[in-house]
Amino acid sequence: MEISLFPLGPLETNCYVLANGTEAVVVDPGGDPAPVLAHVEKHGLTVTHILNTHLHFDHTYGNKALAEATGAPILASGEDAYLLEDGLGRGGVMGLPTVPEYAFQAIEPGEFTFAGAGCTVFATPGHSAGSLTFHFPEAGVAFVGDLIFYRSIGRTDFAGGDLDRLKESVRRHIFTLPPETVLYSGHGPETTAGDEMNHNPFFTGF
């Protein structure tokens, strides 16, 4: 499996393309997906799914355009549907553009196959009510959105955020992964589950 990073949109949100053979999934297209589409075409990939870790505007700006270009369905938690009625999901706040309207399919936690690869979807609320983590165990990676970052955690002062729930999500679903699991966050550099368990200041004494 090959993972490619594309910082997209006004907040340079990390968008990822996970390719497995000729199939690929795209995680959090947070801006104009032109670079993603160019990459997909160059490598002869078929995008099977668009995965949203949560529905904040900076992770969804490219949803509509990417879905229309590829025909791939957009998957996200139904628990985040409230954000589509809020500036945090619609955009248009702080002078930023609005998010083109898109439709998504609600996905529940469980076992799935994306691009021919097994994936466990965890409900990891805290940054938003419906935040999800997509764990690909064979690849040893997890896409965590804004749940946890290198030496930090996601904000919890937005609507639907909850610090205690976020910390519990991390303890239950991230720190129980193999320590070498690479965590791909919505912003900033990658890290590992073990490194964050041992060094993240928000979990000192864990």
N, C-alpha and C. Protein backbone atom coordinates (compact mmCIF):
# COMPACT_ATOMS: atom_id res chain seq x y z
N MET A 1 0.84 -1.19 0.00
CA MET A 1 0.00 0.00 0.00
C MET A 1 0.88 1.25 0.00
N GLU A 2 0.39 2.26 -0.67
CA GLU A 2 1.14 3.51 -0.77
C GLU A 2 0.26 4.66 -0.30
N ILE A 3 0.79 5.51 0.56
CA ILE A 3 0.05 6.65 1.09
C ILE A 3 0.70 7.93 0.59
N SER A 4 -0.12 8.78 -0.02
CA SER A 4 0.36 10.06 -0.54
C SER A 4 -0.36 11.19 0.18
N LEU A 5 0.37 12.25 0.49
CA LEU A 5 -0.17 13.38 1.25
C LEU A 5 -0.35 14.59 0.35
N PHE A 6 -1.51 15.25 0.49
CA PHE A 6 -1.81 16.47 -0.27
C PHE A 6 -2.41 17.50 0.70
N PRO A 7 -1.63 18.48 1.17
CA PRO A 7 -2.21 19.56 1.97
C PRO A 7 -3.12 20.42 1.09
N LEU A 8 -4.39 20.50 1.46
CA LEU A 8 -5.37 21.16 0.60
C LEU A 8 -6.15 22.23 1.37
N GLY A 9 -6.61 23.22 0.65
CA GLY A 9 -7.55 24.18 1.18
C GLY A 9 -6.91 25.31 1.97
N PRO A 10 -7.73 26.23 2.45
CA PRO A 10 -7.23 27.43 3.12
C PRO A 10 -6.49 27.13 4.42
N LEU A 11 -6.75 26.00 5.05
CA LEU A 11 -6.06 25.63 6.28
C LEU A 11 -5.03 24.53 6.04
N GLU A 12 -4.76 24.24 4.77
CA GLU A 12 -3.79 23.21 4.39
C GLU A 12 -4.03 21.90 5.16
N THR A 13 -5.27 21.48 5.13
CA THR A 13 -5.64 20.23 5.78
C THR A 13 -4.99 19.05 5.07
N ASN A 14 -4.51 18.10 5.84
CA ASN A 14 -3.88 16.92 5.26
C ASN A 14 -4.94 16.03 4.61
N CYS A 15 -4.86 15.89 3.30
CA CYS A 15 -5.67 14.95 2.54
C CYS A 15 -4.76 13.79 2.15
N TYR A 16 -5.26 12.58 2.32
CA TYR A 16 -4.45 11.39 2.04
C TYR A 16 -5.09 10.54 0.96
N VAL A 17 -4.23 9.98 0.12
CA VAL A 17 -4.65 8.97 -0.85
C VAL A 17 -3.96 7.67 -0.46
N LEU A 18 -4.76 6.67 -0.12
CA LEU A 18 -4.24 5.34 0.18
C LEU A 18 -4.51 4.46 -1.02
N ALA A 19 -3.44 4.04 -1.70
CA ALA A 19 -3.55 3.24 -2.91
C ALA A 19 -3.15 1.81 -2.62
N ASN A 20 -3.94 0.90 -3.16
CA ASN A 20 -3.68 -0.54 -3.02
C ASN A 20 -3.93 -1.17 -4.38
N GLY A 21 -2.86 -1.46 -5.09
CA GLY A 21 -3.02 -1.92 -6.46
C GLY A 21 -3.54 -0.78 -7.32
N THR A 22 -4.65 -1.02 -7.99
CA THR A 22 -5.23 0.01 -8.86
C THR A 22 -6.38 0.75 -8.19
N GLU A 23 -6.67 0.42 -6.93
CA GLU A 23 -7.76 1.07 -6.21
C GLU A 23 -7.21 2.01 -5.15
N ALA A 24 -8.01 3.00 -4.81
CA ALA A 24 -7.58 3.98 -3.82
C ALA A 24 -8.76 4.53 -3.06
N VAL A 25 -8.49 4.99 -1.84
CA VAL A 25 -9.45 5.77 -1.09
C VAL A 25 -8.82 7.13 -0.80
N VAL A 26 -9.66 8.13 -0.68
CA VAL A 26 -9.20 9.48 -0.35
C VAL A 26 -9.78 9.85 1.01
N VAL A 27 -8.93 10.33 1.89
CA VAL A 27 -9.35 10.72 3.23
C VAL A 27 -9.28 12.24 3.37
N ASP A 28 -10.41 12.84 3.71
CA ASP A 28 -10.51 14.27 4.04
C ASP A 28 -10.00 15.21 2.94
N PRO A 29 -10.70 15.29 1.81
CA PRO A 29 -10.31 16.26 0.77
C PRO A 29 -10.73 17.67 1.19
N GLY A 30 -9.81 18.39 1.80
CA GLY A 30 -10.15 19.67 2.41
C GLY A 30 -9.99 20.88 1.52
N GLY A 31 -9.91 20.67 0.21
CA GLY A 31 -9.77 21.79 -0.71
C GLY A 31 -9.94 21.31 -2.13
N ASP A 32 -9.59 22.16 -3.08
CA ASP A 32 -9.67 21.81 -4.50
C ASP A 32 -8.94 20.48 -4.73
N PRO A 33 -9.64 19.44 -5.20
CA PRO A 33 -9.00 18.14 -5.33
C PRO A 33 -8.18 17.95 -6.59
N ALA A 34 -7.90 19.03 -7.33
CA ALA A 34 -7.15 18.89 -8.59
C ALA A 34 -5.85 18.12 -8.42
N PRO A 35 -5.03 18.38 -7.39
CA PRO A 35 -3.79 17.61 -7.24
C PRO A 35 -4.06 16.13 -7.00
N VAL A 36 -5.12 15.83 -6.28
CA VAL A 36 -5.48 14.43 -6.02
C VAL A 36 -5.90 13.75 -7.32
N LEU A 37 -6.72 14.43 -8.09
CA LEU A 37 -7.18 13.86 -9.36
C LEU A 37 -6.03 13.66 -10.33
N ALA A 38 -5.07 14.59 -10.34
CA ALA A 38 -3.90 14.43 -11.20
C ALA A 38 -3.09 13.21 -10.79
N HIS A 39 -2.95 13.02 -9.48
CA HIS A 39 -2.21 11.87 -8.96
C HIS A 39 -2.91 10.57 -9.32
N VAL A 40 -4.21 10.56 -9.16
CA VAL A 40 -5.00 9.37 -9.46
C VAL A 40 -4.88 9.01 -10.94
N GLU A 41 -4.99 10.02 -11.80
CA GLU A 41 -4.89 9.77 -13.23
C GLU A 41 -3.49 9.31 -13.61
N LYS A 42 -2.47 9.95 -13.07
CA LYS A 42 -1.09 9.60 -13.39
C LYS A 42 -0.78 8.15 -13.06
N HIS A 43 -1.34 7.67 -11.96
CA HIS A 43 -1.02 6.32 -11.49
C HIS A 43 -2.09 5.30 -11.85
N GLY A 44 -3.07 5.71 -12.64
CA GLY A 44 -4.09 4.78 -13.11
C GLY A 44 -4.94 4.20 -11.99
N LEU A 45 -5.28 5.04 -11.01
CA LEU A 45 -6.04 4.58 -9.85
C LEU A 45 -7.53 4.84 -10.02
N THR A 46 -8.32 3.98 -9.40
CA THR A 46 -9.76 4.17 -9.30
C THR A 46 -10.10 4.47 -7.84
N VAL A 47 -10.71 5.61 -7.60
CA VAL A 47 -11.10 5.98 -6.24
C VAL A 47 -12.42 5.29 -5.91
N THR A 48 -12.39 4.43 -4.90
CA THR A 48 -13.58 3.65 -4.54
C THR A 48 -14.42 4.33 -3.48
N HIS A 49 -13.78 5.10 -2.58
CA HIS A 49 -14.51 5.77 -1.50
C HIS A 49 -13.79 7.06 -1.11
N ILE A 50 -14.59 8.01 -0.63
CA ILE A 50 -14.08 9.23 0.00
C ILE A 50 -14.45 9.14 1.46
N LEU A 51 -13.46 9.13 2.33
CA LEU A 51 -13.68 8.95 3.77
C LEU A 51 -13.47 10.27 4.50
N ASN A 52 -14.46 10.68 5.26
CA ASN A 52 -14.34 11.88 6.10
C ASN A 52 -14.19 11.47 7.55
N THR A 53 -13.10 11.89 8.17
CA THR A 53 -12.93 11.61 9.60
C THR A 53 -13.94 12.40 10.42
N HIS A 54 -14.33 13.57 9.94
CA HIS A 54 -15.39 14.37 10.54
C HIS A 54 -15.79 15.42 9.51
N LEU A 55 -16.84 16.17 9.82
CA LEU A 55 -17.42 17.04 8.81
C LEU A 55 -17.19 18.53 9.06
N HIS A 56 -16.10 18.90 9.70
CA HIS A 56 -15.72 20.31 9.76
C HIS A 56 -15.34 20.79 8.35
N PHE A 57 -15.60 22.06 8.08
CA PHE A 57 -15.47 22.58 6.72
C PHE A 57 -14.09 22.37 6.13
N ASP A 58 -13.05 22.46 6.95
CA ASP A 58 -11.70 22.37 6.38
C ASP A 58 -11.32 20.96 5.97
N HIS A 59 -12.19 19.99 6.23
CA HIS A 59 -11.96 18.61 5.81
C HIS A 59 -12.89 18.20 4.67
N THR A 60 -13.79 19.10 4.27
CA THR A 60 -14.82 18.70 3.31
C THR A 60 -14.95 19.61 2.09
N TYR A 61 -14.11 20.64 1.98
CA TYR A 61 -14.24 21.56 0.84
C TYR A 61 -14.23 20.83 -0.50
N GLY A 62 -13.45 19.78 -0.62
CA GLY A 62 -13.33 19.10 -1.90
C GLY A 62 -14.27 17.92 -2.09
N ASN A 63 -15.15 17.68 -1.12
CA ASN A 63 -16.02 16.50 -1.20
C ASN A 63 -16.82 16.44 -2.50
N LYS A 64 -17.54 17.52 -2.78
CA LYS A 64 -18.44 17.51 -3.93
C LYS A 64 -17.68 17.32 -5.23
N ALA A 65 -16.64 18.11 -5.44
CA ALA A 65 -15.90 18.04 -6.70
C ALA A 65 -15.26 16.68 -6.89
N LEU A 66 -14.72 16.11 -5.82
CA LEU A 66 -14.06 14.81 -5.92
C LEU A 66 -15.08 13.71 -6.18
N ALA A 67 -16.20 13.78 -5.51
CA ALA A 67 -17.25 12.78 -5.72
C ALA A 67 -17.78 12.84 -7.15
N GLU A 68 -17.98 14.05 -7.66
CA GLU A 68 -18.48 14.19 -9.02
C GLU A 68 -17.46 13.70 -10.04
N ALA A 69 -16.19 13.93 -9.78
CA ALA A 69 -15.15 13.54 -10.73
C ALA A 69 -14.90 12.03 -10.74
N THR A 70 -15.10 11.39 -9.60
CA THR A 70 -14.74 9.97 -9.48
C THR A 70 -15.94 9.04 -9.38
N GLY A 71 -17.09 9.57 -9.00
CA GLY A 71 -18.26 8.73 -8.77
C GLY A 71 -18.19 7.98 -7.45
N ALA A 72 -17.20 8.27 -6.63
CA ALA A 72 -17.03 7.57 -5.35
C ALA A 72 -17.98 8.14 -4.30
N PRO A 73 -18.54 7.28 -3.46
CA PRO A 73 -19.41 7.78 -2.39
C PRO A 73 -18.59 8.41 -1.27
N ILE A 74 -19.21 9.36 -0.59
CA ILE A 74 -18.62 10.02 0.57
C ILE A 74 -19.16 9.34 1.82
N LEU A 75 -18.28 8.86 2.68
CA LEU A 75 -18.69 8.19 3.91
C LEU A 75 -18.26 9.00 5.12
N ALA A 76 -19.17 9.15 6.07
CA ALA A 76 -18.89 9.88 7.32
C ALA A 76 -19.89 9.41 8.36
N SER A 77 -19.67 9.82 9.58
CA SER A 77 -20.58 9.46 10.66
C SER A 77 -21.85 10.29 10.61
N GLY A 78 -22.98 9.63 10.78
CA GLY A 78 -24.24 10.36 10.87
C GLY A 78 -24.30 11.25 12.09
N GLU A 79 -23.45 10.97 13.08
CA GLU A 79 -23.42 11.80 14.29
C GLU A 79 -22.89 13.20 14.00
N ASP A 80 -22.28 13.39 12.85
CA ASP A 80 -21.76 14.72 12.48
C ASP A 80 -22.71 15.47 11.54
N ALA A 81 -23.87 14.92 11.27
CA ALA A 81 -24.80 15.59 10.36
C ALA A 81 -25.18 16.98 10.86
N TYR A 82 -25.17 17.18 12.17
CA TYR A 82 -25.51 18.49 12.73
C TYR A 82 -24.60 19.59 12.21
N LEU A 83 -23.38 19.22 11.82
CA LEU A 83 -22.44 20.23 11.36
C LEU A 83 -22.84 20.85 10.02
N LEU A 84 -23.64 20.14 9.26
CA LEU A 84 -24.07 20.68 7.97
C LEU A 84 -25.03 21.85 8.14
N GLU A 85 -25.55 22.03 9.35
CA GLU A 85 -26.43 23.16 9.64
C GLU A 85 -25.70 24.24 10.43
N ASP A 86 -24.39 24.11 10.52
CA ASP A 86 -23.58 25.00 11.35
C ASP A 86 -22.42 25.53 10.53
N GLY A 87 -21.93 26.71 10.89
CA GLY A 87 -20.81 27.29 10.16
C GLY A 87 -19.57 26.42 10.19
N LEU A 88 -19.43 25.60 11.22
CA LEU A 88 -18.28 24.71 11.30
C LEU A 88 -18.29 23.66 10.20
N GLY A 89 -19.47 23.37 9.69
CA GLY A 89 -19.58 22.41 8.61
C GLY A 89 -19.82 23.05 7.26
N ARG A 90 -20.57 24.16 7.25
CA ARG A 90 -20.91 24.83 5.99
C ARG A 90 -19.80 25.74 5.51
N GLY A 91 -18.90 26.15 6.43
CA GLY A 91 -17.91 27.13 6.05
C GLY A 91 -18.51 28.53 6.06
N GLY A 92 -17.81 29.46 5.42
CA GLY A 92 -18.30 30.82 5.39
C GLY A 92 -17.99 31.61 6.65
N VAL A 93 -17.18 31.05 7.55
CA VAL A 93 -16.80 31.74 8.77
C VAL A 93 -15.40 32.31 8.62
N MET A 94 -15.10 33.32 9.39
CA MET A 94 -13.77 33.94 9.40
C MET A 94 -13.32 34.35 8.00
N GLY A 95 -14.28 34.72 7.16
CA GLY A 95 -13.95 35.16 5.81
C GLY A 95 -13.60 34.04 4.85
N LEU A 96 -13.77 32.79 5.27
CA LEU A 96 -13.46 31.64 4.42
C LEU A 96 -14.65 31.30 3.53
N PRO A 97 -14.41 30.62 2.42
CA PRO A 97 -15.52 30.30 1.51
C PRO A 97 -16.46 29.26 2.11
N THR A 98 -17.65 29.19 1.55
CA THR A 98 -18.60 28.16 1.96
C THR A 98 -18.26 26.83 1.28
N VAL A 99 -18.72 25.77 1.86
CA VAL A 99 -18.47 24.43 1.33
C VAL A 99 -19.56 24.09 0.30
N PRO A 100 -19.18 23.70 -0.91
CA PRO A 100 -20.19 23.25 -1.88
C PRO A 100 -21.01 22.11 -1.28
N GLU A 101 -22.32 22.16 -1.43
CA GLU A 101 -23.19 21.16 -0.83
C GLU A 101 -22.90 19.77 -1.41
N TYR A 102 -22.90 18.79 -0.54
CA TYR A 102 -22.63 17.41 -0.93
C TYR A 102 -23.53 16.49 -0.12
N ALA A 103 -23.69 15.29 -0.61
CA ALA A 103 -24.44 14.26 0.11
C ALA A 103 -23.45 13.20 0.57
N PHE A 104 -23.68 12.68 1.78
CA PHE A 104 -22.80 11.61 2.26
C PHE A 104 -23.63 10.44 2.75
N GLN A 105 -22.99 9.29 2.80
CA GLN A 105 -23.60 8.09 3.33
C GLN A 105 -23.10 7.89 4.76
N ALA A 106 -24.02 7.67 5.68
CA ALA A 106 -23.62 7.46 7.07
C ALA A 106 -22.99 6.08 7.22
N ILE A 107 -21.89 6.03 7.96
CA ILE A 107 -21.19 4.79 8.21
C ILE A 107 -21.11 4.56 9.71
N GLU A 108 -21.32 3.33 10.13
CA GLU A 108 -21.25 2.97 11.53
C GLU A 108 -19.89 2.33 11.83
N PRO A 109 -19.45 2.36 13.06
CA PRO A 109 -18.21 1.67 13.42
C PRO A 109 -18.31 0.18 13.08
N GLY A 110 -17.18 -0.39 12.69
CA GLY A 110 -17.18 -1.81 12.34
C GLY A 110 -16.07 -2.16 11.38
N GLU A 111 -16.19 -3.33 10.77
CA GLU A 111 -15.18 -3.85 9.85
C GLU A 111 -15.62 -3.64 8.41
N PHE A 112 -14.71 -3.11 7.60
CA PHE A 112 -15.02 -2.81 6.20
C PHE A 112 -13.83 -3.18 5.33
N THR A 113 -14.06 -3.16 4.02
CA THR A 113 -12.99 -3.30 3.05
C THR A 113 -13.01 -2.09 2.15
N PHE A 114 -11.92 -1.35 2.11
CA PHE A 114 -11.78 -0.18 1.25
C PHE A 114 -10.56 -0.38 0.38
N ALA A 115 -10.73 -0.22 -0.92
CA ALA A 115 -9.63 -0.40 -1.88
C ALA A 115 -8.96 -1.76 -1.66
N GLY A 116 -9.77 -2.76 -1.40
CA GLY A 116 -9.25 -4.11 -1.24
C GLY A 116 -8.50 -4.35 0.05
N ALA A 117 -8.55 -3.41 0.98
CA ALA A 117 -7.82 -3.54 2.24
C ALA A 117 -8.80 -3.53 3.41
N GLY A 118 -8.54 -4.38 4.40
CA GLY A 118 -9.38 -4.40 5.58
C GLY A 118 -9.21 -3.13 6.39
N CYS A 119 -10.33 -2.63 6.91
CA CYS A 119 -10.32 -1.39 7.68
C CYS A 119 -11.28 -1.51 8.85
N THR A 120 -10.81 -1.16 10.02
CA THR A 120 -11.68 -1.05 11.19
C THR A 120 -12.00 0.41 11.42
N VAL A 121 -13.28 0.71 11.47
CA VAL A 121 -13.73 2.08 11.71
C VAL A 121 -14.12 2.20 13.17
N PHE A 122 -13.45 3.12 13.87
CA PHE A 122 -13.74 3.39 15.27
C PHE A 122 -14.52 4.69 15.40
N ALA A 123 -15.50 4.72 16.30
CA ALA A 123 -16.11 5.98 16.71
C ALA A 123 -15.18 6.60 17.75
N THR A 124 -14.65 7.78 17.43
CA THR A 124 -13.70 8.45 18.33
C THR A 124 -14.14 9.89 18.57
N PRO A 125 -15.29 10.08 19.20
CA PRO A 125 -15.80 11.44 19.42
C PRO A 125 -14.94 12.22 20.38
N GLY A 126 -15.12 13.53 20.33
CA GLY A 126 -14.39 14.43 21.21
C GLY A 126 -14.07 15.73 20.52
N HIS A 127 -13.48 15.64 19.33
CA HIS A 127 -13.26 16.85 18.53
C HIS A 127 -14.57 17.27 17.91
N SER A 128 -15.33 16.31 17.43
CA SER A 128 -16.72 16.50 17.02
C SER A 128 -17.48 15.30 17.54
N ALA A 129 -18.79 15.38 17.51
CA ALA A 129 -19.60 14.27 18.04
C ALA A 129 -19.44 13.00 17.22
N GLY A 130 -19.16 13.16 15.92
CA GLY A 130 -19.10 11.99 15.04
C GLY A 130 -17.72 11.69 14.50
N SER A 131 -16.69 12.16 15.14
CA SER A 131 -15.33 11.90 14.64
C SER A 131 -15.07 10.40 14.53
N LEU A 132 -14.45 10.01 13.43
CA LEU A 132 -14.12 8.62 13.17
C LEU A 132 -12.62 8.45 12.99
N THR A 133 -12.14 7.25 13.31
CA THR A 133 -10.77 6.85 12.99
C THR A 133 -10.84 5.64 12.07
N PHE A 134 -10.05 5.68 11.00
CA PHE A 134 -10.00 4.59 10.03
C PHE A 134 -8.66 3.87 10.19
N HIS A 135 -8.71 2.65 10.71
CA HIS A 135 -7.50 1.88 10.99
C HIS A 135 -7.35 0.77 9.96
N PHE A 136 -6.22 0.78 9.26
CA PHE A 136 -5.89 -0.26 8.28
C PHE A 136 -4.80 -1.13 8.90
N PRO A 137 -5.18 -2.22 9.56
CA PRO A 137 -4.19 -2.98 10.35
C PRO A 137 -3.09 -3.60 9.52
N GLU A 138 -3.39 -4.09 8.32
CA GLU A 138 -2.35 -4.72 7.51
C GLU A 138 -1.28 -3.71 7.10
N ALA A 139 -1.71 -2.46 6.89
CA ALA A 139 -0.76 -1.41 6.52
C ALA A 139 -0.11 -0.78 7.75
N GLY A 140 -0.67 -1.04 8.93
CA GLY A 140 -0.12 -0.46 10.14
C GLY A 140 -0.32 1.03 10.25
N VAL A 141 -1.47 1.53 9.76
CA VAL A 141 -1.73 2.96 9.77
C VAL A 141 -3.15 3.24 10.26
N ALA A 142 -3.35 4.44 10.77
CA ALA A 142 -4.68 4.90 11.17
C ALA A 142 -4.82 6.36 10.81
N PHE A 143 -5.94 6.70 10.20
CA PHE A 143 -6.26 8.08 9.85
C PHE A 143 -7.16 8.62 10.96
N VAL A 144 -6.65 9.58 11.73
CA VAL A 144 -7.30 9.98 12.97
C VAL A 144 -7.94 11.36 12.90
N GLY A 145 -7.86 12.03 11.76
CA GLY A 145 -8.46 13.36 11.66
C GLY A 145 -7.86 14.31 12.67
N ASP A 146 -8.72 15.04 13.39
CA ASP A 146 -8.25 16.01 14.37
C ASP A 146 -8.41 15.49 15.80
N LEU A 147 -8.44 14.17 15.94
CA LEU A 147 -8.53 13.58 17.27
C LEU A 147 -7.24 13.81 18.05
N ILE A 148 -6.13 13.45 17.44
CA ILE A 148 -4.82 13.54 18.10
C ILE A 148 -3.79 13.96 17.07
N PHE A 149 -2.85 14.79 17.51
CA PHE A 149 -1.77 15.25 16.65
C PHE A 149 -0.44 14.89 17.29
N TYR A 150 0.62 15.16 16.57
CA TYR A 150 1.95 15.02 17.16
C TYR A 150 2.06 15.90 18.39
N ARG A 151 2.12 15.26 19.55
CA ARG A 151 2.28 15.92 20.85
C ARG A 151 1.13 16.87 21.20
N SER A 152 -0.03 16.66 20.62
CA SER A 152 -1.17 17.52 20.92
C SER A 152 -2.47 16.76 20.68
N ILE A 153 -3.57 17.45 20.86
CA ILE A 153 -4.89 16.88 20.60
C ILE A 153 -5.74 17.92 19.88
N GLY A 154 -6.88 17.48 19.37
CA GLY A 154 -7.78 18.38 18.67
C GLY A 154 -8.52 19.30 19.62
N ARG A 155 -8.98 20.40 19.11
CA ARG A 155 -9.77 21.34 19.89
C ARG A 155 -11.08 20.69 20.31
N THR A 156 -11.56 21.08 21.49
CA THR A 156 -12.82 20.54 21.98
C THR A 156 -13.81 21.64 22.34
N ASP A 157 -13.51 22.89 21.94
CA ASP A 157 -14.38 24.01 22.29
C ASP A 157 -15.38 24.33 21.19
N PHE A 158 -15.43 23.51 20.15
CA PHE A 158 -16.44 23.69 19.11
C PHE A 158 -17.72 22.95 19.52
N ALA A 159 -18.82 23.26 18.81
CA ALA A 159 -20.08 22.54 19.04
C ALA A 159 -19.85 21.04 18.82
N GLY A 160 -20.27 20.23 19.79
CA GLY A 160 -20.10 18.79 19.70
C GLY A 160 -18.79 18.30 20.26
N GLY A 161 -17.89 19.22 20.65
CA GLY A 161 -16.61 18.82 21.22
C GLY A 161 -16.73 18.52 22.71
N ASP A 162 -15.85 17.66 23.18
CA ASP A 162 -15.88 17.28 24.60
C ASP A 162 -14.52 16.72 24.96
N LEU A 163 -13.79 17.39 25.85
CA LEU A 163 -12.43 16.99 26.18
C LEU A 163 -12.38 15.60 26.81
N ASP A 164 -13.29 15.32 27.73
CA ASP A 164 -13.27 14.02 28.38
C ASP A 164 -13.54 12.90 27.38
N ARG A 165 -14.48 13.13 26.47
CA ARG A 165 -14.77 12.11 25.45
C ARG A 165 -13.58 11.92 24.52
N LEU A 166 -12.91 13.01 24.17
CA LEU A 166 -11.74 12.90 23.29
C LEU A 166 -10.65 12.06 23.96
N LYS A 167 -10.35 12.36 25.21
CA LYS A 167 -9.31 11.61 25.89
C LYS A 167 -9.68 10.13 26.01
N GLU A 168 -10.95 9.85 26.29
CA GLU A 168 -11.38 8.46 26.37
C GLU A 168 -11.28 7.77 25.02
N SER A 169 -11.61 8.50 23.95
CA SER A 169 -11.48 7.93 22.60
C SER A 169 -10.04 7.55 22.31
N VAL A 170 -9.12 8.43 22.68
CA VAL A 170 -7.70 8.16 22.44
C VAL A 170 -7.24 6.96 23.26
N ARG A 171 -7.60 6.94 24.52
CA ARG A 171 -7.17 5.84 25.38
C ARG A 171 -7.74 4.50 24.91
N ARG A 172 -8.99 4.51 24.51
CA ARG A 172 -9.65 3.26 24.17
C ARG A 172 -9.26 2.74 22.79
N HIS A 173 -9.11 3.66 21.81
CA HIS A 173 -8.96 3.20 20.43
C HIS A 173 -7.59 3.48 19.81
N ILE A 174 -6.85 4.44 20.33
CA ILE A 174 -5.54 4.77 19.75
C ILE A 174 -4.41 4.12 20.55
N PHE A 175 -4.45 4.26 21.87
CA PHE A 175 -3.37 3.72 22.68
C PHE A 175 -3.45 2.20 22.82
N THR A 176 -4.51 1.59 22.34
CA THR A 176 -4.60 0.13 22.33
C THR A 176 -4.16 -0.47 20.99
N LEU A 177 -3.83 0.38 20.02
CA LEU A 177 -3.29 -0.10 18.75
C LEU A 177 -1.84 -0.54 18.96
N PRO A 178 -1.31 -1.37 18.06
CA PRO A 178 0.13 -1.67 18.14
C PRO A 178 0.92 -0.37 18.20
N PRO A 179 1.91 -0.27 19.08
CA PRO A 179 2.60 1.01 19.29
C PRO A 179 3.26 1.57 18.05
N GLU A 180 3.61 0.70 17.09
CA GLU A 180 4.25 1.18 15.87
C GLU A 180 3.26 1.70 14.83
N THR A 181 1.97 1.63 15.14
CA THR A 181 0.95 2.11 14.20
C THR A 181 1.18 3.59 13.88
N VAL A 182 1.27 3.91 12.60
CA VAL A 182 1.48 5.30 12.19
C VAL A 182 0.14 6.02 12.21
N LEU A 183 0.11 7.16 12.86
CA LEU A 183 -1.10 7.99 12.94
C LEU A 183 -0.99 9.13 11.95
N TYR A 184 -1.93 9.19 11.03
CA TYR A 184 -1.99 10.28 10.06
C TYR A 184 -3.10 11.24 10.48
N SER A 185 -2.69 12.43 10.90
CA SER A 185 -3.62 13.41 11.43
C SER A 185 -4.08 14.39 10.37
N GLY A 186 -5.09 15.19 10.74
CA GLY A 186 -5.63 16.16 9.81
C GLY A 186 -4.74 17.37 9.58
N HIS A 187 -3.80 17.59 10.49
CA HIS A 187 -2.88 18.72 10.37
C HIS A 187 -1.55 18.29 11.00
N GLY A 188 -0.47 18.78 10.43
CA GLY A 188 0.83 18.51 11.01
C GLY A 188 1.42 17.18 10.59
N PRO A 189 2.55 16.80 11.21
CA PRO A 189 3.27 15.61 10.80
C PRO A 189 2.64 14.33 11.33
N GLU A 190 3.05 13.23 10.74
CA GLU A 190 2.61 11.93 11.24
C GLU A 190 3.32 11.62 12.55
N THR A 191 2.78 10.66 13.29
CA THR A 191 3.38 10.21 14.53
C THR A 191 3.02 8.74 14.70
N THR A 192 3.24 8.18 15.86
CA THR A 192 2.85 6.79 16.11
C THR A 192 2.07 6.70 17.41
N ALA A 193 1.30 5.63 17.54
CA ALA A 193 0.50 5.43 18.74
C ALA A 193 1.39 5.34 19.97
N GLY A 194 2.50 4.61 19.84
CA GLY A 194 3.40 4.45 20.97
C GLY A 194 4.06 5.74 21.39
N ASP A 195 4.50 6.53 20.42
CA ASP A 195 5.14 7.80 20.74
C ASP A 195 4.19 8.72 21.48
N GLU A 196 2.95 8.77 21.03
CA GLU A 196 2.00 9.68 21.67
C GLU A 196 1.61 9.18 23.06
N MET A 197 1.49 7.87 23.23
CA MET A 197 1.17 7.33 24.54
C MET A 197 2.26 7.68 25.55
N ASN A 198 3.49 7.69 25.08
CA ASN A 198 4.63 7.93 25.97
C ASN A 198 5.00 9.41 26.13
N HIS A 199 4.67 10.23 25.13
CA HIS A 199 5.20 11.59 25.14
C HIS A 199 4.16 12.69 24.99
N ASN A 200 2.92 12.36 24.64
CA ASN A 200 1.92 13.42 24.47
C ASN A 200 1.60 14.03 25.83
N PRO A 201 1.81 15.36 26.00
CA PRO A 201 1.64 15.98 27.33
C PRO A 201 0.20 15.94 27.84
N PHE A 202 -0.76 15.71 26.96
CA PHE A 202 -2.15 15.65 27.41
C PHE A 202 -2.48 14.32 28.06
N PHE A 203 -1.56 13.38 27.99
CA PHE A 203 -1.80 12.05 28.58
C PHE A 203 -0.67 11.66 29.53
N THR A 204 -0.06 12.63 30.14
CA THR A 204 1.00 12.37 31.10
C THR A 204 0.46 11.50 32.24
N GLY A 205 1.19 10.43 32.54
CA GLY A 205 0.75 9.55 33.61
C GLY A 205 -0.19 8.47 33.17
N PHE A 206 -0.47 8.39 31.85
CA PHE A 206 -1.38 7.36 31.34
C PHE A 206 -0.78 5.99 31.60
